[in-house]
Amino acid sequence: MANEHVITAIRELAEGLLANDPDNFLVDIRIKPTNNIKLFLDGDKGVPVEKLVSFNRALYALLEEAALFPDNDFSLEVSSPGLDEPLKLHRQYLKNIGRKVEVTFPDGSAKEGTLMAVSDSNFTIEEQIGKKKEKKTTEINFDEIKHTKVCIVF
């Protein structure tokens, strides 16, 4: 698939730019049929807008140079993943310890709780059950979930 080849090439260029930037990391790359490239960067302490702008400019120049698209017909958006984006990487789970998350399972069921701990194969949430808000700790394996999203708490 040509799109996979292009995504791999973009990933290599992006990771090259991030090689000397240990605080930030690539989360995902998506390409729309209109050659709109959407790249998500995250950081252990968040990603400042200035970093996103400078990364966009540097990657855009590399993409033009690489000539991955005929006549350089592409657009590039670089952003941090919003709260509507599920956590994809282990590093994102670590970054969000202490925050409320919603875990969705393949059957459509879900659990909400505070992300308490993360290991290589699983993570732990603390749920509040019933009217008395009794605390229940649940360990969940990464391979048993559909996705996890950070909850917005007001």
N, C-alpha and C. Protein backbone atom coordinates (compact mmCIF):
# COMPACT_ATOMS: atom_id res chain seq x y z
N MET A 1 0.84 -1.19 0.00
CA MET A 1 0.00 0.00 0.00
C MET A 1 0.89 1.25 0.00
N ALA A 2 0.68 2.11 -0.94
CA ALA A 2 1.51 3.31 -1.10
C ALA A 2 1.42 4.23 0.11
N ASN A 3 0.23 4.34 0.68
CA ASN A 3 0.03 5.21 1.84
C ASN A 3 0.91 4.78 3.02
N GLU A 4 1.03 3.46 3.23
CA GLU A 4 1.86 2.95 4.33
C GLU A 4 3.33 3.31 4.10
N HIS A 5 3.76 3.23 2.84
CA HIS A 5 5.15 3.60 2.49
C HIS A 5 5.38 5.08 2.82
N VAL A 6 4.41 5.93 2.47
CA VAL A 6 4.54 7.37 2.72
C VAL A 6 4.53 7.65 4.22
N ILE A 7 3.64 6.99 4.96
CA ILE A 7 3.58 7.18 6.41
C ILE A 7 4.91 6.75 7.05
N THR A 8 5.46 5.63 6.59
CA THR A 8 6.76 5.17 7.12
C THR A 8 7.85 6.21 6.85
N ALA A 9 7.86 6.75 5.64
CA ALA A 9 8.87 7.77 5.29
C ALA A 9 8.69 9.02 6.15
N ILE A 10 7.46 9.46 6.36
CA ILE A 10 7.19 10.64 7.20
C ILE A 10 7.61 10.36 8.64
N ARG A 11 7.29 9.15 9.12
CA ARG A 11 7.66 8.76 10.50
C ARG A 11 9.17 8.84 10.68
N GLU A 12 9.92 8.35 9.70
CA GLU A 12 11.39 8.38 9.80
C GLU A 12 11.90 9.82 9.83
N LEU A 13 11.34 10.69 8.99
CA LEU A 13 11.75 12.10 9.00
C LEU A 13 11.41 12.76 10.34
N ALA A 14 10.20 12.50 10.84
CA ALA A 14 9.76 13.10 12.11
C ALA A 14 10.61 12.61 13.27
N GLU A 15 10.88 11.31 13.32
CA GLU A 15 11.67 10.76 14.42
C GLU A 15 13.11 11.26 14.35
N GLY A 16 13.61 11.53 13.13
CA GLY A 16 14.93 12.13 12.99
C GLY A 16 14.98 13.51 13.62
N LEU A 17 13.90 14.29 13.41
CA LEU A 17 13.83 15.63 14.01
C LEU A 17 13.72 15.55 15.53
N LEU A 18 13.11 14.48 16.04
CA LEU A 18 12.90 14.34 17.49
C LEU A 18 14.07 13.65 18.19
N ALA A 19 15.05 13.19 17.43
CA ALA A 19 16.15 12.41 18.00
C ALA A 19 16.87 13.14 19.14
N ASN A 20 17.00 14.45 19.03
CA ASN A 20 17.69 15.22 20.08
C ASN A 20 16.72 15.94 21.00
N ASP A 21 15.50 15.45 21.07
CA ASP A 21 14.46 16.09 21.86
C ASP A 21 13.78 15.03 22.74
N PRO A 22 14.44 14.61 23.83
CA PRO A 22 13.95 13.49 24.62
C PRO A 22 12.60 13.72 25.31
N ASP A 23 12.17 14.98 25.47
CA ASP A 23 10.92 15.26 26.17
C ASP A 23 9.68 15.09 25.29
N ASN A 24 9.86 15.11 23.96
CA ASN A 24 8.72 15.04 23.05
C ASN A 24 8.78 13.78 22.20
N PHE A 25 7.60 13.32 21.78
CA PHE A 25 7.55 12.07 21.02
C PHE A 25 6.39 12.07 20.04
N LEU A 26 6.54 11.28 18.99
CA LEU A 26 5.54 11.14 17.94
C LEU A 26 4.48 10.16 18.40
N VAL A 27 3.20 10.56 18.27
CA VAL A 27 2.10 9.69 18.67
C VAL A 27 1.47 9.02 17.46
N ASP A 28 1.15 9.80 16.42
CA ASP A 28 0.42 9.23 15.29
C ASP A 28 0.59 10.10 14.05
N ILE A 29 0.40 9.47 12.89
CA ILE A 29 0.41 10.18 11.60
C ILE A 29 -0.79 9.68 10.82
N ARG A 30 -1.55 10.60 10.27
CA ARG A 30 -2.69 10.26 9.41
C ARG A 30 -2.59 11.08 8.13
N ILE A 31 -2.96 10.45 7.02
CA ILE A 31 -2.98 11.17 5.74
C ILE A 31 -4.37 11.02 5.14
N LYS A 32 -4.99 12.17 4.84
CA LYS A 32 -6.30 12.16 4.19
C LYS A 32 -6.08 12.01 2.68
N PRO A 33 -7.12 11.58 1.94
CA PRO A 33 -6.99 11.44 0.48
C PRO A 33 -6.56 12.73 -0.22
N THR A 34 -6.76 13.86 0.41
CA THR A 34 -6.37 15.15 -0.18
C THR A 34 -4.91 15.48 0.10
N ASN A 35 -4.14 14.50 0.59
CA ASN A 35 -2.73 14.67 0.95
C ASN A 35 -2.56 15.65 2.11
N ASN A 36 -3.56 15.71 2.96
CA ASN A 36 -3.45 16.49 4.20
C ASN A 36 -2.84 15.56 5.24
N ILE A 37 -1.64 15.90 5.68
CA ILE A 37 -0.92 15.10 6.67
C ILE A 37 -1.21 15.68 8.04
N LYS A 38 -1.70 14.85 8.94
CA LYS A 38 -1.95 15.28 10.31
C LYS A 38 -1.02 14.48 11.20
N LEU A 39 -0.15 15.18 11.89
CA LEU A 39 0.85 14.54 12.73
C LEU A 39 0.63 14.99 14.18
N PHE A 40 0.62 14.02 15.09
CA PHE A 40 0.40 14.32 16.51
C PHE A 40 1.69 14.12 17.28
N LEU A 41 2.11 15.18 17.98
CA LEU A 41 3.26 15.14 18.88
C LEU A 41 2.77 15.29 20.30
N ASP A 42 3.43 14.62 21.21
CA ASP A 42 3.11 14.79 22.62
C ASP A 42 4.42 14.95 23.36
N GLY A 43 4.32 15.35 24.60
CA GLY A 43 5.51 15.53 25.43
C GLY A 43 5.23 15.10 26.85
N ASP A 44 6.27 14.71 27.53
CA ASP A 44 6.12 14.27 28.92
C ASP A 44 5.54 15.39 29.79
N LYS A 45 5.77 16.63 29.39
CA LYS A 45 5.23 17.77 30.14
C LYS A 45 4.35 18.63 29.24
N GLY A 46 3.76 18.01 28.20
CA GLY A 46 2.99 18.77 27.23
C GLY A 46 3.92 19.32 26.15
N VAL A 47 3.33 19.88 25.11
CA VAL A 47 4.13 20.43 24.01
C VAL A 47 3.75 21.89 23.81
N PRO A 48 4.70 22.81 24.00
CA PRO A 48 4.39 24.23 23.78
C PRO A 48 4.06 24.49 22.30
N VAL A 49 3.20 25.46 22.06
CA VAL A 49 2.80 25.82 20.70
C VAL A 49 4.03 26.17 19.85
N GLU A 50 4.99 26.86 20.44
CA GLU A 50 6.20 27.25 19.70
C GLU A 50 6.92 26.01 19.16
N LYS A 51 6.93 24.94 19.95
CA LYS A 51 7.57 23.69 19.54
C LYS A 51 6.82 23.09 18.35
N LEU A 52 5.49 23.10 18.41
CA LEU A 52 4.69 22.57 17.31
C LEU A 52 4.94 23.35 16.02
N VAL A 53 5.03 24.67 16.14
CA VAL A 53 5.26 25.54 14.97
C VAL A 53 6.64 25.26 14.37
N SER A 54 7.67 25.22 15.20
CA SER A 54 9.02 25.01 14.68
C SER A 54 9.16 23.60 14.09
N PHE A 55 8.52 22.62 14.71
CA PHE A 55 8.55 21.25 14.19
C PHE A 55 7.84 21.19 12.84
N ASN A 56 6.70 21.87 12.73
CA ASN A 56 5.95 21.91 11.47
C ASN A 56 6.83 22.47 10.35
N ARG A 57 7.49 23.58 10.61
CA ARG A 57 8.33 24.22 9.58
C ARG A 57 9.48 23.31 9.16
N ALA A 58 10.13 22.69 10.13
CA ALA A 58 11.27 21.82 9.82
C ALA A 58 10.82 20.58 9.04
N LEU A 59 9.72 19.97 9.47
CA LEU A 59 9.22 18.77 8.79
C LEU A 59 8.71 19.11 7.40
N TYR A 60 8.04 20.24 7.26
CA TYR A 60 7.53 20.67 5.96
C TYR A 60 8.68 20.77 4.95
N ALA A 61 9.78 21.38 5.36
CA ALA A 61 10.95 21.52 4.48
C ALA A 61 11.51 20.15 4.09
N LEU A 62 11.57 19.23 5.05
CA LEU A 62 12.07 17.88 4.77
C LEU A 62 11.14 17.13 3.82
N LEU A 63 9.83 17.33 3.98
CA LEU A 63 8.86 16.67 3.10
C LEU A 63 8.97 17.20 1.66
N GLU A 64 9.18 18.50 1.53
CA GLU A 64 9.37 19.07 0.19
C GLU A 64 10.62 18.47 -0.46
N GLU A 65 11.68 18.40 0.32
CA GLU A 65 12.95 17.85 -0.16
C GLU A 65 12.81 16.38 -0.56
N ALA A 66 12.05 15.61 0.22
CA ALA A 66 11.88 14.18 -0.03
C ALA A 66 11.00 13.90 -1.24
N ALA A 67 10.21 14.87 -1.67
CA ALA A 67 9.33 14.73 -2.84
C ALA A 67 8.44 13.48 -2.77
N LEU A 68 7.81 13.30 -1.63
CA LEU A 68 6.92 12.15 -1.45
C LEU A 68 5.59 12.32 -2.17
N PHE A 69 5.23 13.56 -2.47
CA PHE A 69 3.96 13.86 -3.12
C PHE A 69 4.24 14.54 -4.46
N PRO A 70 3.53 14.14 -5.55
CA PRO A 70 3.74 14.78 -6.85
C PRO A 70 3.54 16.29 -6.76
N ASP A 71 4.44 17.04 -7.34
CA ASP A 71 4.37 18.51 -7.35
C ASP A 71 4.29 19.11 -5.95
N ASN A 72 4.78 18.37 -4.92
CA ASN A 72 4.69 18.82 -3.53
C ASN A 72 3.28 19.27 -3.15
N ASP A 73 2.30 18.51 -3.66
CA ASP A 73 0.89 18.81 -3.40
C ASP A 73 0.47 18.14 -2.08
N PHE A 74 0.76 18.82 -0.96
CA PHE A 74 0.38 18.30 0.36
C PHE A 74 0.23 19.46 1.32
N SER A 75 -0.46 19.20 2.41
CA SER A 75 -0.51 20.16 3.51
C SER A 75 -0.12 19.40 4.78
N LEU A 76 0.36 20.13 5.76
CA LEU A 76 0.86 19.51 6.99
C LEU A 76 0.27 20.22 8.20
N GLU A 77 -0.31 19.44 9.08
CA GLU A 77 -0.79 19.96 10.37
C GLU A 77 -0.05 19.21 11.46
N VAL A 78 0.56 19.94 12.37
CA VAL A 78 1.22 19.32 13.52
C VAL A 78 0.53 19.84 14.76
N SER A 79 0.03 18.92 15.58
CA SER A 79 -0.64 19.33 16.82
C SER A 79 -0.39 18.30 17.90
N SER A 80 -0.77 18.65 19.11
CA SER A 80 -0.74 17.66 20.18
C SER A 80 -2.09 16.96 20.14
N PRO A 81 -2.15 15.70 20.59
CA PRO A 81 -3.43 15.00 20.56
C PRO A 81 -4.40 15.68 21.52
N GLY A 82 -5.60 15.91 21.09
CA GLY A 82 -6.61 16.52 21.95
C GLY A 82 -7.18 15.49 22.91
N LEU A 83 -8.00 15.95 23.83
CA LEU A 83 -8.61 15.04 24.80
C LEU A 83 -9.55 14.03 24.15
N ASP A 84 -9.99 14.33 22.92
CA ASP A 84 -10.87 13.39 22.23
C ASP A 84 -10.09 12.24 21.58
N GLU A 85 -8.77 12.34 21.57
CA GLU A 85 -7.93 11.28 21.00
C GLU A 85 -7.59 10.26 22.09
N PRO A 86 -7.74 8.97 21.78
CA PRO A 86 -7.38 7.95 22.77
C PRO A 86 -5.87 7.91 23.01
N LEU A 87 -5.49 7.44 24.18
CA LEU A 87 -4.07 7.24 24.48
C LEU A 87 -3.59 6.09 23.61
N LYS A 88 -2.46 6.27 22.95
CA LYS A 88 -1.95 5.23 22.05
C LYS A 88 -0.65 4.60 22.54
N LEU A 89 0.14 5.39 23.23
CA LEU A 89 1.47 4.93 23.61
C LEU A 89 1.60 4.76 25.12
N HIS A 90 2.45 3.81 25.51
CA HIS A 90 2.73 3.57 26.93
C HIS A 90 3.15 4.87 27.62
N ARG A 91 3.95 5.65 26.92
CA ARG A 91 4.47 6.92 27.47
C ARG A 91 3.32 7.89 27.78
N GLN A 92 2.24 7.84 27.00
CA GLN A 92 1.09 8.70 27.27
C GLN A 92 0.37 8.26 28.55
N TYR A 93 0.30 6.95 28.77
CA TYR A 93 -0.31 6.46 30.02
C TYR A 93 0.50 6.96 31.22
N LEU A 94 1.83 6.85 31.13
CA LEU A 94 2.69 7.32 32.23
C LEU A 94 2.48 8.80 32.50
N LYS A 95 2.37 9.57 31.45
CA LYS A 95 2.20 11.02 31.56
C LYS A 95 0.88 11.38 32.26
N ASN A 96 -0.12 10.51 32.13
CA ASN A 96 -1.46 10.83 32.65
C ASN A 96 -1.80 10.15 33.97
N ILE A 97 -0.81 9.61 34.66
CA ILE A 97 -1.06 9.04 36.00
C ILE A 97 -1.61 10.16 36.88
N GLY A 98 -2.68 9.83 37.62
CA GLY A 98 -3.32 10.81 38.49
C GLY A 98 -4.53 11.48 37.86
N ARG A 99 -4.74 11.28 36.57
CA ARG A 99 -5.88 11.88 35.88
C ARG A 99 -7.01 10.86 35.74
N LYS A 100 -8.21 11.37 35.61
CA LYS A 100 -9.37 10.52 35.42
C LYS A 100 -9.41 10.04 33.97
N VAL A 101 -9.64 8.74 33.77
CA VAL A 101 -9.70 8.16 32.43
C VAL A 101 -10.96 7.31 32.27
N GLU A 102 -11.34 7.14 31.02
CA GLU A 102 -12.42 6.21 30.68
C GLU A 102 -11.82 5.13 29.80
N VAL A 103 -11.96 3.89 30.23
CA VAL A 103 -11.44 2.74 29.51
C VAL A 103 -12.61 2.06 28.82
N THR A 104 -12.50 1.89 27.50
CA THR A 104 -13.55 1.21 26.74
C THR A 104 -13.03 -0.16 26.32
N PHE A 105 -13.88 -1.17 26.50
CA PHE A 105 -13.52 -2.54 26.18
C PHE A 105 -14.11 -2.94 24.83
N PRO A 106 -13.59 -4.00 24.21
CA PRO A 106 -14.07 -4.40 22.88
C PRO A 106 -15.58 -4.65 22.81
N ASP A 107 -16.20 -5.05 23.92
CA ASP A 107 -17.65 -5.30 23.89
C ASP A 107 -18.48 -4.02 24.05
N GLY A 108 -17.79 -2.87 24.16
CA GLY A 108 -18.49 -1.59 24.29
C GLY A 108 -18.68 -1.13 25.73
N SER A 109 -18.45 -2.02 26.69
CA SER A 109 -18.57 -1.61 28.08
C SER A 109 -17.41 -0.69 28.44
N ALA A 110 -17.57 0.05 29.54
CA ALA A 110 -16.54 1.02 29.92
C ALA A 110 -16.41 1.10 31.44
N LYS A 111 -15.24 1.56 31.88
CA LYS A 111 -14.99 1.84 33.30
C LYS A 111 -14.33 3.20 33.37
N GLU A 112 -14.67 3.93 34.42
CA GLU A 112 -14.05 5.23 34.66
C GLU A 112 -13.33 5.19 35.98
N GLY A 113 -12.19 5.83 36.05
CA GLY A 113 -11.46 5.89 37.31
C GLY A 113 -10.21 6.72 37.15
N THR A 114 -9.50 6.86 38.25
CA THR A 114 -8.25 7.60 38.24
C THR A 114 -7.12 6.65 37.88
N LEU A 115 -6.31 7.03 36.91
CA LEU A 115 -5.17 6.22 36.50
C LEU A 115 -4.13 6.28 37.62
N MET A 116 -3.85 5.14 38.23
CA MET A 116 -3.00 5.12 39.42
C MET A 116 -1.57 4.61 39.14
N ALA A 117 -1.45 3.63 38.23
CA ALA A 117 -0.14 3.03 37.97
C ALA A 117 -0.13 2.43 36.57
N VAL A 118 1.08 2.30 36.01
CA VAL A 118 1.24 1.75 34.66
C VAL A 118 2.47 0.84 34.67
N SER A 119 2.30 -0.36 34.12
CA SER A 119 3.45 -1.26 33.93
C SER A 119 3.56 -1.55 32.43
N ASP A 120 4.46 -2.43 32.06
CA ASP A 120 4.63 -2.74 30.64
C ASP A 120 3.40 -3.41 30.03
N SER A 121 2.69 -4.22 30.82
CA SER A 121 1.58 -4.99 30.26
C SER A 121 0.20 -4.54 30.71
N ASN A 122 0.13 -3.72 31.78
CA ASN A 122 -1.19 -3.32 32.27
C ASN A 122 -1.13 -1.97 32.97
N PHE A 123 -2.32 -1.53 33.39
CA PHE A 123 -2.42 -0.29 34.16
C PHE A 123 -3.50 -0.47 35.21
N THR A 124 -3.47 0.39 36.22
CA THR A 124 -4.39 0.29 37.34
C THR A 124 -5.21 1.56 37.43
N ILE A 125 -6.53 1.39 37.57
CA ILE A 125 -7.40 2.54 37.82
C ILE A 125 -8.09 2.35 39.17
N GLU A 126 -8.40 3.48 39.78
CA GLU A 126 -9.14 3.46 41.04
C GLU A 126 -10.53 4.01 40.74
N GLU A 127 -11.54 3.12 40.88
CA GLU A 127 -12.93 3.50 40.61
C GLU A 127 -13.59 3.90 41.92
N GLN A 128 -14.63 4.74 41.80
CA GLN A 128 -15.46 5.06 42.95
C GLN A 128 -16.82 4.41 42.68
N ILE A 129 -17.17 3.44 43.56
CA ILE A 129 -18.36 2.61 43.33
C ILE A 129 -19.48 3.00 44.30
N GLY A 130 -20.70 3.07 43.76
CA GLY A 130 -21.89 3.27 44.58
C GLY A 130 -22.04 4.68 45.13
N LYS A 131 -23.13 4.86 45.91
CA LYS A 131 -23.45 6.17 46.47
C LYS A 131 -22.41 6.61 47.50
N LYS A 132 -21.83 5.63 48.20
CA LYS A 132 -20.83 5.96 49.21
C LYS A 132 -19.44 6.19 48.61
N LYS A 133 -19.36 6.07 47.29
CA LYS A 133 -18.10 6.29 46.55
C LYS A 133 -16.96 5.45 47.14
N GLU A 134 -17.27 4.16 47.37
CA GLU A 134 -16.22 3.26 47.86
C GLU A 134 -15.18 3.09 46.77
N LYS A 135 -13.93 3.06 47.18
CA LYS A 135 -12.84 2.97 46.21
C LYS A 135 -12.53 1.51 45.89
N LYS A 136 -12.42 1.23 44.59
CA LYS A 136 -12.10 -0.12 44.13
C LYS A 136 -10.96 0.00 43.12
N THR A 137 -9.90 -0.75 43.33
CA THR A 137 -8.75 -0.73 42.43
C THR A 137 -8.90 -1.86 41.42
N THR A 138 -8.75 -1.52 40.13
CA THR A 138 -8.88 -2.51 39.07
C THR A 138 -7.63 -2.48 38.19
N GLU A 139 -7.07 -3.66 37.97
CA GLU A 139 -5.91 -3.79 37.09
C GLU A 139 -6.41 -4.24 35.72
N ILE A 140 -5.97 -3.56 34.65
CA ILE A 140 -6.47 -3.85 33.31
C ILE A 140 -5.27 -4.08 32.38
N ASN A 141 -5.30 -5.17 31.63
CA ASN A 141 -4.24 -5.47 30.66
C ASN A 141 -4.46 -4.64 29.40
N PHE A 142 -3.38 -4.13 28.84
CA PHE A 142 -3.47 -3.34 27.62
C PHE A 142 -4.13 -4.12 26.49
N ASP A 143 -3.87 -5.42 26.42
CA ASP A 143 -4.42 -6.21 25.31
C ASP A 143 -5.90 -6.57 25.50
N GLU A 144 -6.52 -6.12 26.58
CA GLU A 144 -7.93 -6.40 26.84
C GLU A 144 -8.83 -5.19 26.61
N ILE A 145 -8.26 -4.09 26.07
CA ILE A 145 -9.05 -2.87 25.91
C ILE A 145 -9.18 -2.47 24.44
N LYS A 146 -10.21 -1.69 24.18
CA LYS A 146 -10.35 -1.08 22.85
C LYS A 146 -9.56 0.23 22.84
N HIS A 147 -9.81 1.10 23.84
CA HIS A 147 -9.04 2.34 23.98
C HIS A 147 -9.28 2.97 25.35
N THR A 148 -8.43 3.96 25.65
CA THR A 148 -8.52 4.73 26.89
C THR A 148 -8.45 6.20 26.52
N LYS A 149 -9.35 6.98 27.11
CA LYS A 149 -9.34 8.43 26.90
C LYS A 149 -9.28 9.15 28.24
N VAL A 150 -8.60 10.28 28.25
CA VAL A 150 -8.56 11.12 29.44
C VAL A 150 -9.89 11.85 29.54
N CYS A 151 -10.48 11.89 30.72
CA CYS A 151 -11.76 12.57 30.94
C CYS A 151 -11.54 14.05 31.25
N ILE A 152 -12.45 14.85 30.81
CA ILE A 152 -12.41 16.26 31.13
C ILE A 152 -13.16 16.44 32.45
N VAL A 153 -12.48 16.99 33.45
CA VAL A 153 -13.08 17.17 34.77
C VAL A 153 -13.19 18.67 35.05
N PHE A 154 -14.42 19.11 35.38
CA PHE A 154 -14.64 20.53 35.69
C PHE A 154 -14.78 20.74 37.16
